[in-house]
Amino acid sequence: MQANVSSVMFPRLFDLSLDSSLIQAHLDIFKIFEPIFRLYLETREKINNDSRDWKAFKKRNGIFGIPPMMTSEKWKIMSIIEKYTAVFGPQDPSRRKLEELPYFVRLVTRVRNNKCVYCGREECTGCPLRFDDKLKLGEMLQQA
């Protein structure tokens, strides 16, 4: 019987410029996680050469949203935007369910009057950082 792992919480603090757009904030965070994706590709290629491990790994092929045909050599020469697109896809990620994304950024705040400062809901566990190239991070935080 296989364990059902739906998500893993990996809380981190990020130092982001308040003058950057929300899309740039996502790219800055992606730059931090990029080595994990590269390591995944390198591991996948090593396992492909060992047929004993391949059967187990094949069940997880496509993890992290990286296309199966992507290689670590190709990954190394891609720009950060090309890598981001390869992982999240060409469509606006905000049009997908959070569970379909390789990861997402959740804003967690202190609660004012038992309500989240971003969404206004009670008992909010965190709001996803929107994908918006027109809104700056500082402006979004001021709106809260």
N, C-alpha and C. Protein backbone atom coordinates (compact mmCIF):
# COMPACT_ATOMS: atom_id res chain seq x y z
N MET A 1 0.84 -1.18 0.00
CA MET A 1 0.00 0.00 0.00
C MET A 1 0.89 1.24 0.00
N GLN A 2 0.56 2.16 -0.89
CA GLN A 2 1.38 3.35 -1.05
C GLN A 2 0.84 4.48 -0.18
N ALA A 3 1.74 5.19 0.49
CA ALA A 3 1.33 6.32 1.32
C ALA A 3 0.90 7.47 0.43
N ASN A 4 -0.10 8.19 0.85
CA ASN A 4 -0.61 9.32 0.09
C ASN A 4 -0.02 10.60 0.70
N VAL A 5 0.94 11.18 0.02
CA VAL A 5 1.56 12.42 0.47
C VAL A 5 1.06 13.52 -0.45
N SER A 6 0.20 14.38 0.06
CA SER A 6 -0.38 15.41 -0.79
C SER A 6 0.45 16.69 -0.81
N SER A 7 1.09 17.01 0.30
CA SER A 7 1.91 18.22 0.32
C SER A 7 2.87 18.17 1.50
N VAL A 8 3.89 18.98 1.36
CA VAL A 8 4.88 19.12 2.42
C VAL A 8 5.04 20.61 2.69
N MET A 9 4.98 21.00 3.94
CA MET A 9 5.18 22.40 4.28
C MET A 9 6.66 22.64 4.47
N PHE A 10 7.16 23.66 3.81
CA PHE A 10 8.57 23.98 3.82
C PHE A 10 8.69 25.49 4.09
N PRO A 11 8.40 25.91 5.33
CA PRO A 11 8.38 27.35 5.61
C PRO A 11 9.77 27.98 5.51
N ARG A 12 9.81 29.11 4.84
CA ARG A 12 11.05 29.85 4.69
C ARG A 12 10.75 31.34 4.69
N LEU A 13 11.68 32.13 5.15
CA LEU A 13 11.59 33.58 5.06
C LEU A 13 12.40 34.01 3.85
N PHE A 14 11.86 34.94 3.07
CA PHE A 14 12.54 35.43 1.88
C PHE A 14 12.70 36.93 1.98
N ASP A 15 13.86 37.41 1.57
CA ASP A 15 14.13 38.84 1.53
C ASP A 15 13.84 39.30 0.10
N LEU A 16 12.70 39.95 -0.09
CA LEU A 16 12.28 40.37 -1.42
C LEU A 16 12.17 41.89 -1.47
N SER A 17 12.44 42.45 -2.63
CA SER A 17 12.33 43.90 -2.82
C SER A 17 10.86 44.29 -2.89
N LEU A 18 10.49 45.31 -2.14
CA LEU A 18 9.11 45.79 -2.17
C LEU A 18 8.78 46.48 -3.49
N ASP A 19 9.82 46.86 -4.25
CA ASP A 19 9.60 47.51 -5.55
C ASP A 19 9.42 46.52 -6.69
N SER A 20 9.59 45.24 -6.43
CA SER A 20 9.46 44.25 -7.50
C SER A 20 8.01 43.87 -7.69
N SER A 21 7.67 43.50 -8.94
CA SER A 21 6.31 43.03 -9.21
C SER A 21 6.12 41.67 -8.54
N LEU A 22 4.88 41.25 -8.43
CA LEU A 22 4.62 39.95 -7.81
C LEU A 22 5.22 38.83 -8.65
N ILE A 23 5.22 38.99 -9.98
CA ILE A 23 5.85 37.99 -10.85
C ILE A 23 7.35 37.93 -10.57
N GLN A 24 7.99 39.10 -10.43
CA GLN A 24 9.43 39.11 -10.12
C GLN A 24 9.69 38.47 -8.77
N ALA A 25 8.80 38.67 -7.81
CA ALA A 25 8.95 38.01 -6.51
C ALA A 25 8.91 36.50 -6.67
N HIS A 26 7.99 36.01 -7.52
CA HIS A 26 7.94 34.57 -7.79
C HIS A 26 9.23 34.09 -8.45
N LEU A 27 9.76 34.86 -9.39
CA LEU A 27 11.02 34.47 -10.04
C LEU A 27 12.18 34.47 -9.06
N ASP A 28 12.22 35.45 -8.16
CA ASP A 28 13.29 35.50 -7.15
C ASP A 28 13.23 34.27 -6.23
N ILE A 29 12.03 33.85 -5.88
CA ILE A 29 11.88 32.66 -5.05
C ILE A 29 12.25 31.42 -5.85
N PHE A 30 11.86 31.37 -7.12
CA PHE A 30 12.21 30.24 -7.98
C PHE A 30 13.73 30.09 -8.09
N LYS A 31 14.46 31.21 -8.15
CA LYS A 31 15.93 31.15 -8.23
C LYS A 31 16.50 30.42 -7.01
N ILE A 32 15.87 30.59 -5.87
CA ILE A 32 16.34 29.93 -4.65
C ILE A 32 16.10 28.41 -4.74
N PHE A 33 14.95 28.01 -5.31
CA PHE A 33 14.61 26.59 -5.43
C PHE A 33 15.21 25.92 -6.66
N GLU A 34 15.76 26.69 -7.59
CA GLU A 34 16.27 26.14 -8.85
C GLU A 34 17.26 24.99 -8.67
N PRO A 35 18.18 25.04 -7.71
CA PRO A 35 19.09 23.90 -7.53
C PRO A 35 18.37 22.58 -7.22
N ILE A 36 17.21 22.65 -6.57
CA ILE A 36 16.46 21.43 -6.28
C ILE A 36 15.96 20.79 -7.58
N PHE A 37 15.49 21.62 -8.50
CA PHE A 37 15.02 21.11 -9.79
C PHE A 37 16.19 20.52 -10.59
N ARG A 38 17.34 21.20 -10.56
CA ARG A 38 18.52 20.69 -11.28
C ARG A 38 18.95 19.35 -10.71
N LEU A 39 18.98 19.25 -9.38
CA LEU A 39 19.35 17.99 -8.74
C LEU A 39 18.37 16.88 -9.10
N TYR A 40 17.09 17.22 -9.17
CA TYR A 40 16.08 16.24 -9.58
C TYR A 40 16.40 15.69 -10.96
N LEU A 41 16.73 16.59 -11.90
CA LEU A 41 17.05 16.14 -13.27
C LEU A 41 18.29 15.24 -13.28
N GLU A 42 19.32 15.64 -12.54
CA GLU A 42 20.55 14.83 -12.50
C GLU A 42 20.28 13.46 -11.90
N THR A 43 19.47 13.42 -10.86
CA THR A 43 19.12 12.14 -10.22
C THR A 43 18.30 11.28 -11.17
N ARG A 44 17.35 11.90 -11.85
CA ARG A 44 16.51 11.17 -12.80
C ARG A 44 17.36 10.54 -13.90
N GLU A 45 18.37 11.27 -14.38
CA GLU A 45 19.24 10.74 -15.42
C GLU A 45 20.11 9.59 -14.91
N LYS A 46 20.60 9.69 -13.69
CA LYS A 46 21.39 8.60 -13.12
C LYS A 46 20.55 7.35 -12.95
N ILE A 47 19.32 7.53 -12.49
CA ILE A 47 18.44 6.38 -12.27
C ILE A 47 18.03 5.75 -13.59
N ASN A 48 17.88 6.57 -14.63
CA ASN A 48 17.53 6.03 -15.95
C ASN A 48 18.57 5.02 -16.42
N ASN A 49 19.78 5.17 -15.98
CA ASN A 49 20.85 4.26 -16.37
C ASN A 49 20.88 2.98 -15.54
N ASP A 50 20.13 2.93 -14.47
CA ASP A 50 20.07 1.76 -13.61
C ASP A 50 18.65 1.21 -13.64
N SER A 51 18.44 0.13 -14.37
CA SER A 51 17.09 -0.39 -14.59
C SER A 51 16.41 -0.85 -13.30
N ARG A 52 17.19 -1.23 -12.30
CA ARG A 52 16.58 -1.67 -11.04
C ARG A 52 15.83 -0.54 -10.36
N ASP A 53 16.42 0.65 -10.37
CA ASP A 53 15.80 1.79 -9.71
C ASP A 53 14.77 2.48 -10.61
N TRP A 54 14.86 2.26 -11.91
CA TRP A 54 14.01 2.97 -12.85
C TRP A 54 12.52 2.69 -12.64
N LYS A 55 12.15 1.46 -12.34
CA LYS A 55 10.75 1.12 -12.16
C LYS A 55 10.13 1.92 -11.02
N ALA A 56 10.84 2.03 -9.92
CA ALA A 56 10.32 2.79 -8.78
C ALA A 56 10.27 4.28 -9.10
N PHE A 57 11.28 4.76 -9.77
CA PHE A 57 11.35 6.19 -10.06
C PHE A 57 10.34 6.59 -11.14
N LYS A 58 10.06 5.69 -12.06
CA LYS A 58 9.15 5.99 -13.17
C LYS A 58 7.76 6.36 -12.64
N LYS A 59 7.37 5.78 -11.52
CA LYS A 59 6.07 6.11 -10.93
C LYS A 59 6.01 7.58 -10.54
N ARG A 60 7.17 8.17 -10.27
CA ARG A 60 7.22 9.58 -9.85
C ARG A 60 7.70 10.48 -10.97
N ASN A 61 7.88 9.94 -12.17
CA ASN A 61 8.38 10.74 -13.28
C ASN A 61 7.45 11.91 -13.55
N GLY A 62 8.00 13.07 -13.79
CA GLY A 62 7.20 14.26 -13.99
C GLY A 62 6.99 15.04 -12.71
N ILE A 63 7.55 14.55 -11.61
CA ILE A 63 7.44 15.26 -10.35
C ILE A 63 8.08 16.64 -10.51
N PHE A 64 7.65 17.59 -9.74
CA PHE A 64 8.12 18.97 -9.80
C PHE A 64 7.65 19.68 -11.06
N GLY A 65 6.84 19.05 -11.89
CA GLY A 65 6.36 19.71 -13.09
C GLY A 65 7.36 19.76 -14.22
N ILE A 66 8.52 19.15 -14.06
CA ILE A 66 9.53 19.18 -15.12
C ILE A 66 9.14 18.17 -16.21
N PRO A 67 9.12 18.60 -17.47
CA PRO A 67 8.76 17.68 -18.55
C PRO A 67 9.70 16.48 -18.61
N PRO A 68 9.18 15.29 -18.95
CA PRO A 68 10.01 14.08 -18.99
C PRO A 68 11.18 14.17 -19.97
N MET A 69 11.07 14.98 -21.02
CA MET A 69 12.14 15.06 -22.02
C MET A 69 13.25 16.06 -21.64
N MET A 70 13.08 16.78 -20.55
CA MET A 70 14.08 17.76 -20.12
C MET A 70 15.33 17.04 -19.62
N THR A 71 16.50 17.56 -19.98
CA THR A 71 17.77 17.00 -19.52
C THR A 71 18.50 18.04 -18.66
N SER A 72 19.41 17.57 -17.85
CA SER A 72 20.17 18.49 -17.00
C SER A 72 21.07 19.40 -17.85
N GLU A 73 21.56 18.89 -18.97
CA GLU A 73 22.40 19.72 -19.86
C GLU A 73 21.59 20.86 -20.46
N LYS A 74 20.39 20.56 -20.91
CA LYS A 74 19.53 21.60 -21.46
C LYS A 74 19.16 22.59 -20.36
N TRP A 75 18.86 22.07 -19.17
CA TRP A 75 18.48 22.91 -18.03
C TRP A 75 19.56 23.93 -17.72
N LYS A 76 20.83 23.51 -17.79
CA LYS A 76 21.95 24.39 -17.42
C LYS A 76 22.06 25.61 -18.33
N ILE A 77 21.63 25.49 -19.59
CA ILE A 77 21.80 26.62 -20.52
C ILE A 77 20.54 27.47 -20.66
N MET A 78 19.48 27.09 -19.98
CA MET A 78 18.23 27.85 -20.05
C MET A 78 18.28 29.08 -19.15
N SER A 79 17.56 30.12 -19.55
CA SER A 79 17.43 31.30 -18.69
C SER A 79 16.49 30.96 -17.54
N ILE A 80 16.46 31.81 -16.54
CA ILE A 80 15.61 31.55 -15.38
C ILE A 80 14.13 31.59 -15.78
N ILE A 81 13.78 32.44 -16.72
CA ILE A 81 12.38 32.51 -17.18
C ILE A 81 12.02 31.24 -17.95
N GLU A 82 12.94 30.73 -18.76
CA GLU A 82 12.68 29.47 -19.48
C GLU A 82 12.51 28.31 -18.50
N LYS A 83 13.33 28.29 -17.47
CA LYS A 83 13.22 27.24 -16.44
C LYS A 83 11.88 27.34 -15.72
N TYR A 84 11.52 28.56 -15.35
CA TYR A 84 10.25 28.78 -14.65
C TYR A 84 9.08 28.31 -15.53
N THR A 85 9.13 28.63 -16.81
CA THR A 85 8.08 28.22 -17.74
C THR A 85 8.07 26.71 -17.90
N ALA A 86 9.25 26.08 -17.93
CA ALA A 86 9.31 24.62 -18.05
C ALA A 86 8.66 23.94 -16.85
N VAL A 87 8.80 24.53 -15.67
CA VAL A 87 8.26 23.93 -14.45
C VAL A 87 6.77 24.26 -14.28
N PHE A 88 6.41 25.52 -14.46
CA PHE A 88 5.03 25.95 -14.21
C PHE A 88 4.13 25.90 -15.45
N GLY A 89 4.74 25.77 -16.62
CA GLY A 89 3.95 25.73 -17.85
C GLY A 89 3.78 27.13 -18.44
N PRO A 90 3.36 27.18 -19.70
CA PRO A 90 3.26 28.47 -20.39
C PRO A 90 2.05 29.30 -19.95
N GLN A 91 1.04 28.66 -19.37
CA GLN A 91 -0.14 29.39 -18.93
C GLN A 91 0.11 30.09 -17.61
N ASP A 92 -0.71 31.07 -17.34
CA ASP A 92 -0.67 31.79 -16.07
C ASP A 92 -0.92 30.80 -14.94
N PRO A 93 0.05 30.61 -14.03
CA PRO A 93 -0.13 29.64 -12.94
C PRO A 93 -1.34 29.91 -12.05
N SER A 94 -1.78 31.16 -11.99
CA SER A 94 -2.92 31.46 -11.13
C SER A 94 -4.22 30.86 -11.66
N ARG A 95 -4.22 30.39 -12.88
CA ARG A 95 -5.40 29.75 -13.46
C ARG A 95 -5.47 28.26 -13.12
N ARG A 96 -4.46 27.77 -12.43
CA ARG A 96 -4.44 26.36 -12.03
C ARG A 96 -4.73 26.23 -10.55
N LYS A 97 -5.15 25.05 -10.15
CA LYS A 97 -5.37 24.78 -8.73
C LYS A 97 -4.01 24.73 -8.04
N LEU A 98 -3.95 25.18 -6.80
CA LEU A 98 -2.69 25.19 -6.07
C LEU A 98 -2.08 23.80 -5.99
N GLU A 99 -2.92 22.77 -5.85
CA GLU A 99 -2.43 21.39 -5.73
C GLU A 99 -1.74 20.92 -7.01
N GLU A 100 -2.02 21.57 -8.14
CA GLU A 100 -1.42 21.18 -9.42
C GLU A 100 -0.05 21.83 -9.64
N LEU A 101 0.28 22.81 -8.83
CA LEU A 101 1.55 23.51 -8.98
C LEU A 101 2.66 22.75 -8.26
N PRO A 102 3.90 22.84 -8.77
CA PRO A 102 5.02 22.17 -8.10
C PRO A 102 5.22 22.68 -6.67
N TYR A 103 5.00 23.96 -6.48
CA TYR A 103 5.01 24.58 -5.15
C TYR A 103 4.27 25.91 -5.28
N PHE A 104 3.91 26.50 -4.17
CA PHE A 104 3.33 27.83 -4.20
C PHE A 104 3.76 28.58 -2.96
N VAL A 105 3.71 29.90 -3.06
CA VAL A 105 4.12 30.77 -1.97
C VAL A 105 2.88 31.21 -1.23
N ARG A 106 2.89 30.97 0.06
CA ARG A 106 1.74 31.31 0.91
C ARG A 106 2.15 32.45 1.85
N LEU A 107 1.34 33.48 1.87
CA LEU A 107 1.56 34.60 2.78
C LEU A 107 0.87 34.31 4.10
N VAL A 108 1.62 34.32 5.16
CA VAL A 108 1.07 34.06 6.47
C VAL A 108 1.23 35.33 7.29
N THR A 109 0.15 35.77 7.90
CA THR A 109 0.18 37.03 8.63
C THR A 109 -0.33 36.86 10.03
N ARG A 110 -0.09 37.86 10.81
CA ARG A 110 -0.73 37.92 12.12
C ARG A 110 -2.18 38.32 11.88
N VAL A 111 -3.02 37.83 12.68
CA VAL A 111 -4.44 38.05 12.50
C VAL A 111 -4.89 39.31 13.22
N ARG A 112 -5.69 40.12 12.54
CA ARG A 112 -6.30 41.30 13.16
C ARG A 112 -7.78 40.99 13.35
N ASN A 113 -8.24 41.11 14.56
CA ASN A 113 -9.66 40.85 14.87
C ASN A 113 -10.11 39.49 14.36
N ASN A 114 -9.25 38.48 14.50
CA ASN A 114 -9.54 37.11 14.07
C ASN A 114 -9.74 36.97 12.56
N LYS A 115 -9.24 37.93 11.77
CA LYS A 115 -9.37 37.85 10.31
C LYS A 115 -8.00 38.05 9.66
N CYS A 116 -7.80 37.35 8.56
CA CYS A 116 -6.56 37.48 7.78
C CYS A 116 -6.51 38.88 7.18
N VAL A 117 -5.34 39.52 7.19
CA VAL A 117 -5.22 40.87 6.64
C VAL A 117 -5.25 40.88 5.11
N TYR A 118 -5.05 39.73 4.47
CA TYR A 118 -5.04 39.67 3.00
C TYR A 118 -6.41 39.31 2.43
N CYS A 119 -7.07 38.32 2.99
CA CYS A 119 -8.34 37.85 2.41
C CYS A 119 -9.55 38.16 3.28
N GLY A 120 -9.34 38.50 4.54
CA GLY A 120 -10.44 38.83 5.41
C GLY A 120 -11.16 37.63 6.02
N ARG A 121 -10.70 36.42 5.68
CA ARG A 121 -11.35 35.22 6.23
C ARG A 121 -10.87 34.97 7.66
N GLU A 122 -11.75 34.35 8.42
CA GLU A 122 -11.36 33.92 9.76
C GLU A 122 -10.62 32.60 9.66
N GLU A 123 -9.66 32.40 10.54
CA GLU A 123 -8.89 31.16 10.59
C GLU A 123 -8.20 30.83 9.27
N CYS A 124 -7.72 31.81 8.57
CA CYS A 124 -6.98 31.60 7.31
C CYS A 124 -5.61 31.02 7.65
N THR A 125 -5.20 30.00 6.94
CA THR A 125 -3.89 29.39 7.17
C THR A 125 -2.82 30.01 6.29
N GLY A 126 -3.19 30.95 5.45
CA GLY A 126 -2.24 31.62 4.57
C GLY A 126 -2.83 31.79 3.19
N CYS A 127 -2.54 32.91 2.57
CA CYS A 127 -3.05 33.21 1.24
C CYS A 127 -1.93 33.03 0.22
N PRO A 128 -2.24 32.44 -0.94
CA PRO A 128 -1.22 32.31 -1.96
C PRO A 128 -0.81 33.67 -2.53
N LEU A 129 0.48 33.83 -2.77
CA LEU A 129 0.97 35.05 -3.41
C LEU A 129 0.49 35.05 -4.85
N ARG A 130 -0.22 36.11 -5.22
CA ARG A 130 -0.80 36.19 -6.57
C ARG A 130 0.29 36.27 -7.64
N PHE A 131 -0.07 35.90 -8.84
CA PHE A 131 0.80 36.04 -10.01
C PHE A 131 0.31 37.28 -10.75
N ASP A 132 1.01 38.39 -10.57
CA ASP A 132 0.56 39.65 -11.15
C ASP A 132 1.79 40.47 -11.51
N ASP A 133 1.88 40.89 -12.78
CA ASP A 133 3.05 41.66 -13.19
C ASP A 133 2.82 43.17 -13.09
N LYS A 134 1.59 43.58 -12.77
CA LYS A 134 1.30 45.00 -12.66
C LYS A 134 1.36 45.50 -11.21
N LEU A 135 1.13 44.62 -10.27
CA LEU A 135 1.11 45.00 -8.86
C LEU A 135 2.48 44.74 -8.23
N LYS A 136 2.97 45.73 -7.50
CA LYS A 136 4.25 45.57 -6.81
C LYS A 136 4.00 44.96 -5.43
N LEU A 137 5.01 44.28 -4.92
CA LEU A 137 4.91 43.61 -3.63
C LEU A 137 4.56 44.62 -2.52
N GLY A 138 5.24 45.76 -2.53
CA GLY A 138 4.97 46.78 -1.52
C GLY A 138 3.54 47.30 -1.58
N GLU A 139 3.01 47.48 -2.79
CA GLU A 139 1.62 47.95 -2.96
C GLU A 139 0.65 46.90 -2.41
N MET A 140 0.93 45.63 -2.69
CA MET A 140 0.05 44.57 -2.21
C MET A 140 0.03 44.54 -0.68
N LEU A 141 1.20 44.71 -0.07
CA LEU A 141 1.28 44.69 1.38
C LEU A 141 0.59 45.91 1.99
N GLN A 142 0.64 47.05 1.31
CA GLN A 142 -0.04 48.25 1.81
C GLN A 142 -1.55 48.11 1.74
N GLN A 143 -2.04 47.34 0.76
CA GLN A 143 -3.48 47.14 0.61
C GLN A 143 -4.04 46.30 1.75
N ALA A 144 -3.18 45.50 2.38
CA ALA A 144 -3.65 44.60 3.45
C ALA A 144 -4.01 45.35 4.70
